[in-house]
């Protein structure tokens, strides 16, 4: 499975590079803190896969708090034909830790 680390994602965010973020945390988590993107909780992703506006070949970066739910979401997307799905290793916690340095 393909991954992206917090440093790589931070660089993309800082450069203003257009990226497709899929945040698979619960809505309350997303509303408390997020870095943008589409929010579909992982437990509802399979049922709502047709609501994604991404093409099957678009690069999609899947994020959650620690990288566990996003790994599950990555598998769901791959099983549904998405070809370029990256999991944020360590999740948003890793990104927040990086930004504190």
N, C-alpha and C. Protein backbone atom coordinates (compact mmCIF):
# COMPACT_ATOMS: atom_id res chain seq x y z
N UNK A 1 0.84 -1.19 0.00
CA UNK A 1 0.00 0.00 0.00
C UNK A 1 0.88 1.25 0.00
N UNK A 2 0.48 2.23 -0.74
CA UNK A 2 1.26 3.45 -0.87
C UNK A 2 0.94 4.40 0.28
N UNK A 3 1.97 5.09 0.74
CA UNK A 3 1.82 6.02 1.86
C UNK A 3 2.49 7.35 1.51
N UNK A 4 2.08 8.36 2.26
CA UNK A 4 2.73 9.65 2.22
C UNK A 4 3.00 10.00 3.68
N UNK A 5 4.15 10.60 3.96
CA UNK A 5 4.42 10.95 5.36
C UNK A 5 4.03 12.40 5.62
N UNK A 6 4.04 12.76 6.90
CA UNK A 6 3.60 14.09 7.31
C UNK A 6 4.43 15.20 6.66
N UNK A 7 5.73 14.97 6.54
CA UNK A 7 6.60 15.98 5.92
C UNK A 7 6.25 16.21 4.47
N UNK A 8 5.98 15.13 3.74
CA UNK A 8 5.61 15.26 2.32
C UNK A 8 4.27 15.99 2.17
N UNK A 9 3.30 15.62 3.00
CA UNK A 9 1.99 16.29 2.93
C UNK A 9 2.13 17.76 3.32
N UNK A 10 2.89 18.05 4.34
CA UNK A 10 3.10 19.43 4.77
C UNK A 10 3.69 20.26 3.65
N UNK A 11 4.61 19.68 2.92
CA UNK A 11 5.22 20.39 1.79
C UNK A 11 4.18 20.69 0.71
N UNK A 12 3.33 19.71 0.41
CA UNK A 12 2.27 19.93 -0.58
C UNK A 12 1.32 21.04 -0.12
N UNK A 13 0.95 21.02 1.15
CA UNK A 13 0.04 22.04 1.69
C UNK A 13 0.69 23.42 1.65
N UNK A 14 1.96 23.51 2.02
CA UNK A 14 2.67 24.79 2.03
C UNK A 14 2.90 25.35 0.63
N UNK A 15 3.04 24.47 -0.36
CA UNK A 15 3.28 24.91 -1.73
C UNK A 15 1.99 25.30 -2.45
N UNK A 16 0.85 25.04 -1.81
CA UNK A 16 -0.42 25.34 -2.46
C UNK A 16 -0.75 24.37 -3.58
N UNK A 17 -0.08 23.23 -3.58
CA UNK A 17 -0.34 22.21 -4.60
C UNK A 17 -1.77 21.71 -4.45
N UNK A 18 -2.54 21.67 -5.55
CA UNK A 18 -3.90 21.14 -5.45
C UNK A 18 -3.84 19.65 -5.10
N UNK A 19 -4.51 19.27 -4.02
CA UNK A 19 -4.54 17.87 -3.62
C UNK A 19 -5.96 17.47 -3.27
N UNK A 20 -6.23 16.19 -3.45
CA UNK A 20 -7.53 15.63 -3.10
C UNK A 20 -7.41 14.96 -1.74
N UNK A 21 -7.98 15.58 -0.72
CA UNK A 21 -7.95 15.03 0.62
C UNK A 21 -9.29 14.38 0.94
N UNK A 22 -9.22 13.17 1.48
CA UNK A 22 -10.41 12.50 1.97
C UNK A 22 -10.18 12.21 3.45
N UNK A 23 -10.93 12.90 4.29
CA UNK A 23 -10.81 12.76 5.74
C UNK A 23 -11.87 11.76 6.19
N UNK A 24 -11.44 10.63 6.75
CA UNK A 24 -12.37 9.56 7.09
C UNK A 24 -12.68 9.48 8.59
N UNK A 25 -12.43 10.57 9.30
CA UNK A 25 -12.80 10.63 10.72
C UNK A 25 -14.29 10.93 10.84
N UNK A 26 -14.81 10.81 12.05
CA UNK A 26 -16.20 11.14 12.30
C UNK A 26 -16.40 12.66 12.13
N UNK A 27 -17.63 13.07 11.84
CA UNK A 27 -17.93 14.48 11.59
C UNK A 27 -17.52 15.38 12.75
N UNK A 28 -17.73 14.93 13.98
CA UNK A 28 -17.37 15.77 15.14
C UNK A 28 -15.86 16.01 15.19
N UNK A 29 -15.07 15.00 14.83
CA UNK A 29 -13.62 15.17 14.79
C UNK A 29 -13.23 16.15 13.69
N UNK A 30 -13.85 15.98 12.52
CA UNK A 30 -13.58 16.85 11.38
C UNK A 30 -13.94 18.29 11.70
N UNK A 31 -15.09 18.49 12.35
CA UNK A 31 -15.54 19.85 12.68
C UNK A 31 -14.70 20.49 13.77
N UNK A 32 -14.07 19.69 14.61
CA UNK A 32 -13.21 20.21 15.67
C UNK A 32 -11.87 20.69 15.10
N UNK A 33 -11.30 19.91 14.19
CA UNK A 33 -10.03 20.26 13.55
C UNK A 33 -9.93 19.55 12.21
N UNK A 34 -9.59 20.30 11.17
CA UNK A 34 -9.35 19.65 9.87
C UNK A 34 -8.41 20.50 9.03
N UNK A 35 -7.87 19.88 8.00
CA UNK A 35 -6.99 20.58 7.07
C UNK A 35 -7.65 20.68 5.69
N UNK A 36 -8.97 20.54 5.68
CA UNK A 36 -9.72 20.63 4.43
C UNK A 36 -10.06 19.26 3.88
N UNK A 37 -10.55 19.26 2.67
CA UNK A 37 -10.91 18.02 2.02
C UNK A 37 -12.36 17.63 2.25
N UNK A 38 -12.68 16.44 1.77
CA UNK A 38 -14.01 15.88 1.87
C UNK A 38 -14.04 15.00 3.12
N UNK A 39 -15.14 15.06 3.87
CA UNK A 39 -15.27 14.25 5.08
C UNK A 39 -16.35 13.20 4.87
N UNK A 40 -15.92 11.94 4.80
CA UNK A 40 -16.83 10.80 4.81
C UNK A 40 -16.25 9.79 5.80
N UNK A 41 -16.91 9.58 6.94
CA UNK A 41 -16.39 8.62 7.92
C UNK A 41 -16.18 7.24 7.29
N UNK A 42 -15.11 6.58 7.71
CA UNK A 42 -14.73 5.31 7.10
C UNK A 42 -15.86 4.29 7.16
N UNK A 43 -16.66 4.30 8.23
CA UNK A 43 -17.73 3.31 8.32
C UNK A 43 -18.88 3.59 7.36
N UNK A 44 -18.86 4.75 6.70
CA UNK A 44 -19.89 5.07 5.70
C UNK A 44 -19.31 5.18 4.29
N UNK A 45 -18.02 4.94 4.16
CA UNK A 45 -17.35 5.16 2.87
C UNK A 45 -17.86 4.22 1.78
N UNK A 46 -17.92 2.93 2.05
CA UNK A 46 -18.34 1.97 1.03
C UNK A 46 -19.74 2.31 0.50
N UNK A 47 -20.64 2.69 1.40
CA UNK A 47 -22.01 3.01 1.00
C UNK A 47 -22.11 4.34 0.24
N UNK A 48 -21.11 5.20 0.41
CA UNK A 48 -21.14 6.53 -0.21
C UNK A 48 -20.06 6.72 -1.28
N UNK A 49 -19.47 5.63 -1.74
CA UNK A 49 -18.35 5.72 -2.69
C UNK A 49 -18.75 6.47 -3.96
N UNK A 50 -20.03 6.35 -4.35
CA UNK A 50 -20.50 7.02 -5.57
C UNK A 50 -20.66 8.52 -5.38
N UNK A 51 -20.58 9.02 -4.14
CA UNK A 51 -20.68 10.45 -3.88
C UNK A 51 -19.35 11.17 -4.06
N UNK A 52 -18.26 10.39 -4.19
CA UNK A 52 -16.94 11.01 -4.39
C UNK A 52 -16.86 11.59 -5.79
N UNK A 53 -16.34 12.79 -5.89
CA UNK A 53 -16.24 13.44 -7.21
C UNK A 53 -14.88 13.19 -7.87
N UNK A 54 -14.10 12.30 -7.29
CA UNK A 54 -12.77 12.01 -7.83
C UNK A 54 -12.87 11.03 -9.00
N UNK A 55 -11.95 11.18 -9.96
CA UNK A 55 -11.80 10.18 -11.00
C UNK A 55 -11.02 9.01 -10.43
N UNK A 56 -11.17 7.84 -11.02
CA UNK A 56 -10.49 6.64 -10.52
C UNK A 56 -8.97 6.76 -10.61
N UNK A 57 -8.47 7.67 -11.46
CA UNK A 57 -7.03 7.83 -11.62
C UNK A 57 -6.46 9.01 -10.84
N UNK A 58 -7.33 9.82 -10.22
CA UNK A 58 -6.85 10.96 -9.42
C UNK A 58 -6.06 10.48 -8.22
N UNK A 59 -5.05 11.25 -7.84
CA UNK A 59 -4.36 10.95 -6.59
C UNK A 59 -5.25 11.43 -5.44
N UNK A 60 -5.49 10.54 -4.50
CA UNK A 60 -6.30 10.85 -3.33
C UNK A 60 -5.46 10.56 -2.09
N UNK A 61 -5.38 11.52 -1.18
CA UNK A 61 -4.68 11.32 0.08
C UNK A 61 -5.73 11.13 1.16
N UNK A 62 -5.72 9.96 1.78
CA UNK A 62 -6.71 9.61 2.80
C UNK A 62 -6.10 9.89 4.17
N UNK A 63 -6.85 10.62 5.01
CA UNK A 63 -6.33 11.00 6.32
C UNK A 63 -7.32 10.66 7.43
N UNK A 64 -6.77 10.42 8.61
CA UNK A 64 -7.56 10.26 9.84
C UNK A 64 -6.67 10.72 10.98
N UNK A 65 -6.98 10.33 12.19
CA UNK A 65 -6.19 10.80 13.34
C UNK A 65 -4.81 10.17 13.40
N UNK A 66 -4.75 8.84 13.27
CA UNK A 66 -3.47 8.14 13.48
C UNK A 66 -3.03 7.28 12.30
N UNK A 67 -3.82 7.22 11.25
CA UNK A 67 -3.43 6.45 10.07
C UNK A 67 -4.03 5.06 9.98
N UNK A 68 -4.86 4.69 10.96
CA UNK A 68 -5.44 3.35 10.97
C UNK A 68 -6.74 3.31 10.15
N UNK A 69 -7.65 4.22 10.44
CA UNK A 69 -8.90 4.28 9.67
C UNK A 69 -8.63 4.63 8.21
N UNK A 70 -7.64 5.49 7.99
CA UNK A 70 -7.33 5.87 6.61
C UNK A 70 -6.77 4.69 5.82
N UNK A 71 -6.06 3.79 6.49
CA UNK A 71 -5.56 2.58 5.82
C UNK A 71 -6.73 1.70 5.39
N UNK A 72 -7.74 1.57 6.26
CA UNK A 72 -8.94 0.82 5.91
C UNK A 72 -9.64 1.49 4.73
N UNK A 73 -9.76 2.81 4.76
CA UNK A 73 -10.40 3.56 3.68
C UNK A 73 -9.63 3.40 2.37
N UNK A 74 -8.31 3.38 2.47
CA UNK A 74 -7.47 3.18 1.30
C UNK A 74 -7.80 1.83 0.65
N UNK A 75 -7.96 0.81 1.45
CA UNK A 75 -8.31 -0.52 0.94
C UNK A 75 -9.68 -0.51 0.28
N UNK A 76 -10.65 0.18 0.88
CA UNK A 76 -12.00 0.28 0.31
C UNK A 76 -11.94 0.97 -1.06
N UNK A 77 -11.22 2.07 -1.14
CA UNK A 77 -11.10 2.81 -2.40
C UNK A 77 -10.42 1.95 -3.47
N UNK A 78 -9.35 1.27 -3.09
CA UNK A 78 -8.62 0.42 -4.04
C UNK A 78 -9.51 -0.70 -4.55
N UNK A 79 -10.27 -1.31 -3.64
CA UNK A 79 -11.20 -2.38 -4.04
C UNK A 79 -12.27 -1.86 -4.99
N UNK A 80 -12.56 -0.57 -4.94
CA UNK A 80 -13.57 0.03 -5.80
C UNK A 80 -12.97 0.67 -7.05
N UNK A 81 -11.72 0.35 -7.35
CA UNK A 81 -11.13 0.75 -8.62
C UNK A 81 -10.32 2.03 -8.62
N UNK A 82 -10.15 2.66 -7.47
CA UNK A 82 -9.30 3.86 -7.42
C UNK A 82 -7.84 3.42 -7.46
N UNK A 83 -7.07 4.06 -8.33
CA UNK A 83 -5.72 3.57 -8.66
C UNK A 83 -4.58 4.26 -7.91
N UNK A 84 -4.80 5.47 -7.40
CA UNK A 84 -3.69 6.27 -6.88
C UNK A 84 -4.07 6.83 -5.51
N UNK A 85 -4.19 5.93 -4.53
CA UNK A 85 -4.63 6.31 -3.19
C UNK A 85 -3.47 6.22 -2.22
N UNK A 86 -3.20 7.32 -1.53
CA UNK A 86 -2.11 7.38 -0.55
C UNK A 86 -2.69 7.52 0.85
N UNK A 87 -2.12 6.78 1.79
CA UNK A 87 -2.50 6.86 3.20
C UNK A 87 -1.50 7.76 3.92
N UNK A 88 -2.01 8.71 4.72
CA UNK A 88 -1.12 9.56 5.52
C UNK A 88 -0.60 8.74 6.70
N UNK A 89 0.68 8.39 6.63
CA UNK A 89 1.32 7.59 7.68
C UNK A 89 1.33 8.39 8.99
N UNK A 90 0.78 7.80 10.04
CA UNK A 90 0.73 8.47 11.34
C UNK A 90 -0.42 9.45 11.49
N UNK A 91 -1.15 9.69 10.42
CA UNK A 91 -2.34 10.54 10.46
C UNK A 91 -2.07 11.99 10.82
N UNK A 92 -3.15 12.66 11.18
CA UNK A 92 -3.06 14.08 11.53
C UNK A 92 -2.22 14.31 12.77
N UNK A 93 -2.12 13.31 13.64
CA UNK A 93 -1.26 13.45 14.82
C UNK A 93 0.19 13.67 14.39
N UNK A 94 0.63 12.94 13.39
CA UNK A 94 2.00 13.10 12.88
C UNK A 94 2.19 14.48 12.25
N UNK A 95 1.17 14.95 11.55
CA UNK A 95 1.25 16.28 10.93
C UNK A 95 1.29 17.37 12.00
N UNK A 96 0.47 17.24 13.02
CA UNK A 96 0.46 18.23 14.11
C UNK A 96 1.79 18.22 14.87
N UNK A 97 2.32 17.03 15.10
CA UNK A 97 3.61 16.91 15.79
C UNK A 97 4.71 17.59 14.99
N UNK A 98 4.70 17.41 13.68
CA UNK A 98 5.69 18.00 12.79
C UNK A 98 5.62 19.53 12.86
N UNK A 99 4.41 20.06 12.89
CA UNK A 99 4.24 21.51 12.88
C UNK A 99 4.61 22.16 14.22
N UNK A 100 4.70 21.37 15.28
CA UNK A 100 5.07 21.92 16.59
C UNK A 100 6.57 22.14 16.71
N UNK A 101 7.32 21.50 15.84
CA UNK A 101 8.79 21.59 15.91
C UNK A 101 9.25 22.96 15.46
